[in-house]
């Protein structure tokens, strides 16, 4: 909208440029099977949520996940290494 009047590029109407929604290349976000289950970088969201366990990657010690505190902030009670979510 070069003039801010809602006419779109070259005055051809709204939603006619590269960023239009609908078909074509680069049109909006990718959708597909299970896309709502993907994380920000396209991986699974297995390490999110209130439940689960925190595991030490070094010694394998397991601790209950505390809601509101990410596992990487918790330290292993045995060796002091940062924990990861299981």
N, C-alpha and C. Protein backbone atom coordinates (compact mmCIF):
# COMPACT_ATOMS: atom_id res chain seq x y z
N UNK A 1 0.83 -1.17 0.00
CA UNK A 1 0.00 0.00 0.00
C UNK A 1 0.88 1.23 0.00
N UNK A 2 1.26 1.65 -1.15
CA UNK A 2 2.19 2.76 -1.24
C UNK A 2 1.62 4.08 -0.74
N UNK A 3 0.35 4.30 -0.89
CA UNK A 3 -0.24 5.57 -0.46
C UNK A 3 -1.03 5.43 0.83
N UNK A 4 -1.07 4.25 1.40
CA UNK A 4 -1.79 4.02 2.65
C UNK A 4 -3.30 4.05 2.49
N UNK A 5 -3.79 3.85 1.27
CA UNK A 5 -5.23 3.92 1.04
C UNK A 5 -5.89 2.55 0.89
N UNK A 6 -5.14 1.48 1.14
CA UNK A 6 -5.70 0.13 1.09
C UNK A 6 -5.86 -0.44 -0.30
N UNK A 7 -5.28 0.19 -1.31
CA UNK A 7 -5.46 -0.31 -2.67
C UNK A 7 -4.44 -1.35 -3.07
N UNK A 8 -3.39 -1.57 -2.28
CA UNK A 8 -2.39 -2.56 -2.60
C UNK A 8 -1.39 -2.05 -3.62
N UNK A 9 -0.46 -2.92 -4.04
CA UNK A 9 0.56 -2.50 -4.99
C UNK A 9 -0.07 -2.13 -6.34
N UNK A 10 0.41 -1.08 -6.90
CA UNK A 10 -0.02 -0.59 -8.22
C UNK A 10 -1.52 -0.31 -8.30
N UNK A 11 -2.17 -0.09 -7.14
CA UNK A 11 -3.59 0.26 -7.14
C UNK A 11 -4.52 -0.85 -7.59
N UNK A 12 -4.08 -2.11 -7.51
CA UNK A 12 -4.89 -3.23 -8.01
C UNK A 12 -5.76 -3.87 -6.94
N UNK A 13 -5.85 -3.29 -5.79
CA UNK A 13 -6.70 -3.84 -4.74
C UNK A 13 -5.86 -4.50 -3.66
N UNK A 14 -6.50 -4.75 -2.54
CA UNK A 14 -5.81 -5.34 -1.40
C UNK A 14 -5.45 -6.80 -1.68
N UNK A 15 -4.44 -7.30 -0.99
CA UNK A 15 -4.00 -8.70 -1.06
C UNK A 15 -3.59 -9.12 -2.47
N UNK A 16 -2.86 -8.27 -3.19
CA UNK A 16 -2.41 -8.64 -4.52
C UNK A 16 -0.90 -8.71 -4.63
N UNK A 17 -0.18 -8.44 -3.54
CA UNK A 17 1.28 -8.43 -3.59
C UNK A 17 1.89 -9.76 -3.20
N UNK A 18 3.21 -9.75 -2.96
CA UNK A 18 3.93 -10.97 -2.60
C UNK A 18 3.47 -11.57 -1.29
N UNK A 19 3.05 -10.75 -0.34
CA UNK A 19 2.69 -11.24 0.97
C UNK A 19 1.24 -11.65 1.10
N UNK A 20 0.54 -11.81 -0.01
CA UNK A 20 -0.88 -12.15 0.05
C UNK A 20 -1.09 -13.52 0.68
N UNK A 21 -2.22 -13.71 1.27
CA UNK A 21 -2.59 -15.01 1.84
C UNK A 21 -3.25 -15.85 0.76
N UNK A 22 -3.13 -17.14 0.88
CA UNK A 22 -3.73 -18.02 -0.11
C UNK A 22 -2.67 -18.87 -0.78
N UNK A 23 -2.84 -19.14 -2.06
CA UNK A 23 -1.93 -20.02 -2.77
C UNK A 23 -0.66 -19.31 -3.20
N UNK A 24 0.23 -20.05 -3.80
CA UNK A 24 1.46 -19.47 -4.31
C UNK A 24 2.62 -19.63 -3.36
N UNK A 25 3.78 -19.23 -3.80
CA UNK A 25 4.98 -19.35 -2.98
C UNK A 25 5.01 -18.29 -1.90
N UNK A 26 5.46 -18.69 -0.73
CA UNK A 26 5.64 -17.76 0.37
C UNK A 26 4.36 -17.12 0.86
N UNK A 27 3.26 -17.78 0.67
CA UNK A 27 1.99 -17.21 1.07
C UNK A 27 1.63 -17.66 2.48
N UNK A 28 1.92 -16.84 3.45
CA UNK A 28 1.55 -17.15 4.82
C UNK A 28 2.41 -18.23 5.43
N UNK A 29 1.93 -18.79 6.53
CA UNK A 29 2.67 -19.82 7.25
C UNK A 29 2.41 -21.18 6.66
N UNK A 30 3.38 -22.05 6.79
CA UNK A 30 3.24 -23.41 6.29
C UNK A 30 2.23 -24.16 7.13
N UNK A 31 1.36 -24.90 6.47
CA UNK A 31 0.41 -25.74 7.18
C UNK A 31 0.56 -27.15 6.68
N UNK A 32 0.20 -28.06 7.51
CA UNK A 32 0.31 -29.45 7.13
C UNK A 32 0.00 -30.33 8.32
N UNK A 33 0.15 -31.59 8.15
CA UNK A 33 -0.16 -32.52 9.20
C UNK A 33 0.74 -32.30 10.41
N UNK A 34 0.13 -32.02 11.54
CA UNK A 34 0.88 -31.87 12.77
C UNK A 34 1.64 -30.57 12.90
N UNK A 35 1.36 -29.57 12.08
CA UNK A 35 2.14 -28.33 12.15
C UNK A 35 1.93 -27.61 13.47
N UNK A 36 0.80 -27.83 14.13
CA UNK A 36 0.57 -27.18 15.42
C UNK A 36 1.40 -27.82 16.51
N UNK A 37 2.00 -28.97 16.25
CA UNK A 37 2.81 -29.66 17.24
C UNK A 37 4.30 -29.37 17.07
N UNK A 38 4.65 -28.55 16.12
CA UNK A 38 6.06 -28.27 15.89
C UNK A 38 6.51 -27.09 16.73
N UNK A 39 7.75 -27.14 17.14
CA UNK A 39 8.33 -26.03 17.87
C UNK A 39 8.75 -24.91 16.93
N UNK A 40 9.38 -23.91 17.47
CA UNK A 40 9.76 -22.74 16.69
C UNK A 40 10.70 -23.08 15.54
N UNK A 41 11.61 -24.03 15.76
CA UNK A 41 12.58 -24.38 14.73
C UNK A 41 12.16 -25.63 13.95
N UNK A 42 10.90 -26.06 14.08
CA UNK A 42 10.41 -27.19 13.32
C UNK A 42 10.54 -28.52 14.02
N UNK A 43 11.13 -28.55 15.19
CA UNK A 43 11.26 -29.80 15.94
C UNK A 43 10.02 -30.08 16.76
N UNK A 44 10.05 -31.15 17.50
CA UNK A 44 8.92 -31.49 18.34
C UNK A 44 8.93 -30.63 19.58
N UNK A 45 7.82 -30.57 20.23
CA UNK A 45 7.70 -29.78 21.45
C UNK A 45 7.74 -30.69 22.67
N UNK A 46 8.55 -31.72 22.64
CA UNK A 46 8.60 -32.71 23.70
C UNK A 46 9.07 -32.13 25.02
N UNK A 47 9.87 -31.09 25.02
CA UNK A 47 10.41 -30.54 26.25
C UNK A 47 9.59 -29.42 26.84
N UNK A 48 8.32 -29.30 26.47
CA UNK A 48 7.50 -28.22 26.99
C UNK A 48 6.37 -28.77 27.83
N UNK A 49 5.80 -27.93 28.64
CA UNK A 49 4.65 -28.31 29.43
C UNK A 49 4.96 -28.40 30.90
N UNK A 50 3.91 -28.48 31.72
CA UNK A 50 4.09 -28.45 33.17
C UNK A 50 4.58 -29.76 33.77
N UNK A 51 4.27 -30.89 33.17
CA UNK A 51 4.64 -32.17 33.74
C UNK A 51 6.00 -32.64 33.28
N UNK A 52 6.34 -33.85 33.66
CA UNK A 52 7.56 -34.46 33.19
C UNK A 52 8.66 -34.52 34.23
N UNK A 53 9.84 -34.82 33.76
CA UNK A 53 10.99 -34.98 34.63
C UNK A 53 12.18 -34.24 34.07
N UNK A 54 13.08 -33.84 34.96
CA UNK A 54 14.35 -33.26 34.57
C UNK A 54 15.41 -34.34 34.72
N UNK A 55 16.25 -34.51 33.71
CA UNK A 55 17.25 -35.56 33.70
C UNK A 55 18.64 -34.95 33.52
N UNK A 56 19.62 -35.50 34.23
CA UNK A 56 20.99 -35.04 34.10
C UNK A 56 21.61 -35.73 32.89
N UNK A 57 22.15 -34.95 31.92
CA UNK A 57 22.76 -35.57 30.75
C UNK A 57 24.08 -36.27 31.06
N UNK A 58 24.71 -35.93 32.18
CA UNK A 58 26.00 -36.54 32.54
C UNK A 58 25.86 -37.86 33.28
N UNK A 59 25.10 -37.83 34.39
CA UNK A 59 25.04 -39.03 35.24
C UNK A 59 23.71 -39.75 35.16
N UNK A 60 22.68 -39.14 34.55
CA UNK A 60 21.39 -39.80 34.39
C UNK A 60 20.46 -39.65 35.58
N UNK A 61 20.80 -38.82 36.56
CA UNK A 61 19.93 -38.62 37.71
C UNK A 61 18.62 -37.98 37.26
N UNK A 62 17.52 -38.35 37.90
CA UNK A 62 16.19 -37.87 37.53
C UNK A 62 15.61 -37.08 38.70
N UNK A 63 15.00 -35.94 38.38
CA UNK A 63 14.31 -35.12 39.38
C UNK A 63 12.98 -34.69 38.82
N UNK A 64 12.01 -34.45 39.68
CA UNK A 64 10.69 -33.99 39.24
C UNK A 64 10.81 -32.57 38.69
N UNK A 65 10.09 -32.31 37.62
CA UNK A 65 10.08 -30.97 37.02
C UNK A 65 9.26 -30.04 37.89
N UNK A 66 9.79 -28.86 38.18
CA UNK A 66 9.08 -27.85 38.96
C UNK A 66 8.42 -26.87 38.00
N UNK A 67 7.11 -26.69 38.15
CA UNK A 67 6.36 -25.79 37.28
C UNK A 67 6.87 -24.36 37.44
N UNK A 68 7.11 -23.71 36.33
CA UNK A 68 7.56 -22.33 36.32
C UNK A 68 9.07 -22.17 36.28
N UNK A 69 9.81 -23.26 36.42
CA UNK A 69 11.26 -23.21 36.38
C UNK A 69 11.76 -24.19 35.31
N UNK A 70 12.41 -23.71 34.26
CA UNK A 70 12.92 -24.62 33.23
C UNK A 70 13.96 -25.58 33.79
N UNK A 71 14.01 -26.77 33.24
CA UNK A 71 14.96 -27.79 33.72
C UNK A 71 16.41 -27.32 33.57
N UNK A 72 16.71 -26.55 32.54
CA UNK A 72 18.10 -26.12 32.34
C UNK A 72 18.58 -25.20 33.45
N UNK A 73 17.66 -24.62 34.23
CA UNK A 73 18.06 -23.80 35.37
C UNK A 73 18.33 -24.63 36.61
N UNK A 74 17.80 -25.85 36.65
CA UNK A 74 18.03 -26.74 37.79
C UNK A 74 19.38 -27.43 37.65
N UNK A 75 20.02 -27.69 38.77
CA UNK A 75 21.32 -28.37 38.79
C UNK A 75 21.14 -29.77 39.33
N UNK A 76 21.90 -30.70 38.80
CA UNK A 76 21.86 -32.09 39.24
C UNK A 76 22.31 -32.16 40.70
N UNK A 77 21.55 -32.86 41.56
CA UNK A 77 21.96 -32.98 42.96
C UNK A 77 23.23 -33.81 43.14
N UNK A 78 23.55 -34.65 42.17
CA UNK A 78 24.74 -35.52 42.29
C UNK A 78 26.01 -34.85 41.77
N UNK A 79 25.95 -34.30 40.55
CA UNK A 79 27.18 -33.79 39.93
C UNK A 79 27.17 -32.29 39.63
N UNK A 80 26.01 -31.60 39.76
CA UNK A 80 25.96 -30.17 39.55
C UNK A 80 25.80 -29.72 38.11
N UNK A 81 25.59 -30.64 37.18
CA UNK A 81 25.41 -30.32 35.76
C UNK A 81 23.98 -29.79 35.54
N UNK A 82 23.80 -28.90 34.59
CA UNK A 82 22.46 -28.41 34.25
C UNK A 82 21.63 -29.56 33.73
N UNK A 83 20.38 -29.63 34.19
CA UNK A 83 19.47 -30.72 33.81
C UNK A 83 18.78 -30.38 32.49
N UNK A 84 18.18 -31.39 31.85
CA UNK A 84 17.41 -31.22 30.63
C UNK A 84 16.05 -31.88 30.83
N UNK A 85 15.03 -31.42 30.08
CA UNK A 85 13.68 -31.96 30.19
C UNK A 85 13.57 -33.28 29.45
N UNK A 86 12.91 -34.24 30.07
CA UNK A 86 12.69 -35.55 29.43
C UNK A 86 11.31 -35.60 28.87
